Amino acid sequence: MLYTPMPWEMIFPEPVEAQDQLWVSVRGRLCQVRRGPDGWPRIERLVSTDPQDYLEPALNPHQALFTL
């Protein structure tokens, strides 16, 4: 347990790379996306309990999303 008058953000700053990430629904599945070097959002991570979702090509990591 940590007792301090300092705000949470000062003690545990958010990593710089996590600041440009978004959580969005892609085809009804929760995905973490980040803007790629070409400017298009790309899938970073898929969060699903259905194993079939991980086999879907449109939800592969680094897949560009042309519509959100």
Protein backbone atom coordinates (compact mmCIF):
# COMPACT_ATOMS: atom_id res chain seq x y z
CA MET A 1 0.00 0.00 0.00
CA LEU A 2 1.25 3.46 -0.84
CA TYR A 3 0.29 6.51 1.22
CA THR A 4 1.26 9.79 -0.41
CA PRO A 5 -0.25 13.21 -1.15
CA MET A 6 1.19 13.07 -4.67
CA PRO A 7 -1.19 12.33 -7.59
CA TRP A 8 -1.18 8.84 -9.07
CA GLU A 9 0.13 10.16 -12.43
CA MET A 10 3.29 11.56 -10.83
CA ILE A 11 4.15 8.28 -9.11
CA PHE A 12 3.23 5.99 -12.00
CA PRO A 13 3.53 7.99 -15.23
CA GLU A 14 1.94 6.51 -18.32
CA PRO A 15 4.55 5.27 -20.83
CA VAL A 16 4.91 7.51 -23.86
CA GLU A 17 4.13 4.67 -26.26
CA ALA A 18 0.83 3.94 -24.46
CA GLN A 19 -0.44 7.50 -24.88
CA ASP A 20 -1.21 7.12 -28.58
CA GLN A 21 -3.12 3.84 -28.24
CA LEU A 22 -6.89 3.49 -28.45
CA TRP A 23 -9.29 0.71 -27.53
CA VAL A 24 -11.93 0.26 -30.24
CA SER A 25 -14.45 -2.32 -31.34
CA VAL A 26 -13.54 -3.92 -34.68
CA ARG A 27 -16.22 -6.24 -36.06
CA GLY A 28 -17.60 -6.51 -32.54
CA ARG A 29 -14.23 -7.50 -31.00
CA LEU A 30 -12.22 -5.36 -28.58
CA CYS A 31 -8.91 -4.31 -30.14
CA GLN A 32 -6.08 -2.04 -29.11
CA VAL A 33 -5.02 0.12 -32.06
CA ARG A 34 -2.19 2.55 -32.74
CA ARG A 35 -1.56 4.89 -35.65
CA GLY A 36 1.04 3.44 -37.99
CA PRO A 37 3.78 5.26 -39.91
CA ASP A 38 1.42 5.64 -42.88
CA GLY A 39 -1.16 7.40 -40.70
CA TRP A 40 -3.73 4.58 -40.69
CA PRO A 41 -4.72 2.96 -37.40
CA ARG A 42 -3.31 -0.56 -37.03
CA ILE A 43 -4.33 -3.36 -34.71
CA GLU A 44 -1.84 -3.89 -31.88
CA ARG A 45 -3.76 -6.38 -29.76
CA LEU A 46 -6.99 -8.39 -29.91
CA VAL A 47 -8.82 -9.20 -26.68
CA SER A 48 -11.27 -12.07 -27.07
CA THR A 49 -12.23 -15.33 -25.39
CA ASP A 50 -13.20 -16.93 -28.71
CA PRO A 51 -10.25 -18.79 -30.29
CA GLN A 52 -11.78 -18.38 -33.76
CA ASP A 53 -11.33 -14.59 -33.53
CA TYR A 54 -7.55 -15.03 -33.54
CA LEU A 55 -7.75 -16.90 -36.85
CA GLU A 56 -9.65 -14.12 -38.63
CA PRO A 57 -7.23 -12.34 -41.03
CA ALA A 58 -8.91 -8.94 -40.59
CA LEU A 59 -8.00 -8.98 -36.87
CA ASN A 60 -4.33 -9.90 -37.24
CA PRO A 61 -1.76 -7.67 -35.52
CA HIS A 62 -0.50 -4.75 -37.65
CA GLN A 63 -3.55 -5.04 -39.91
CA ALA A 64 -4.48 -1.56 -41.14
CA LEU A 65 -8.00 -0.42 -40.35
CA PHE A 66 -9.50 1.64 -43.12
CA THR A 67 -12.77 2.20 -41.27
CA LEU A 68 -13.27 2.46 -37.53
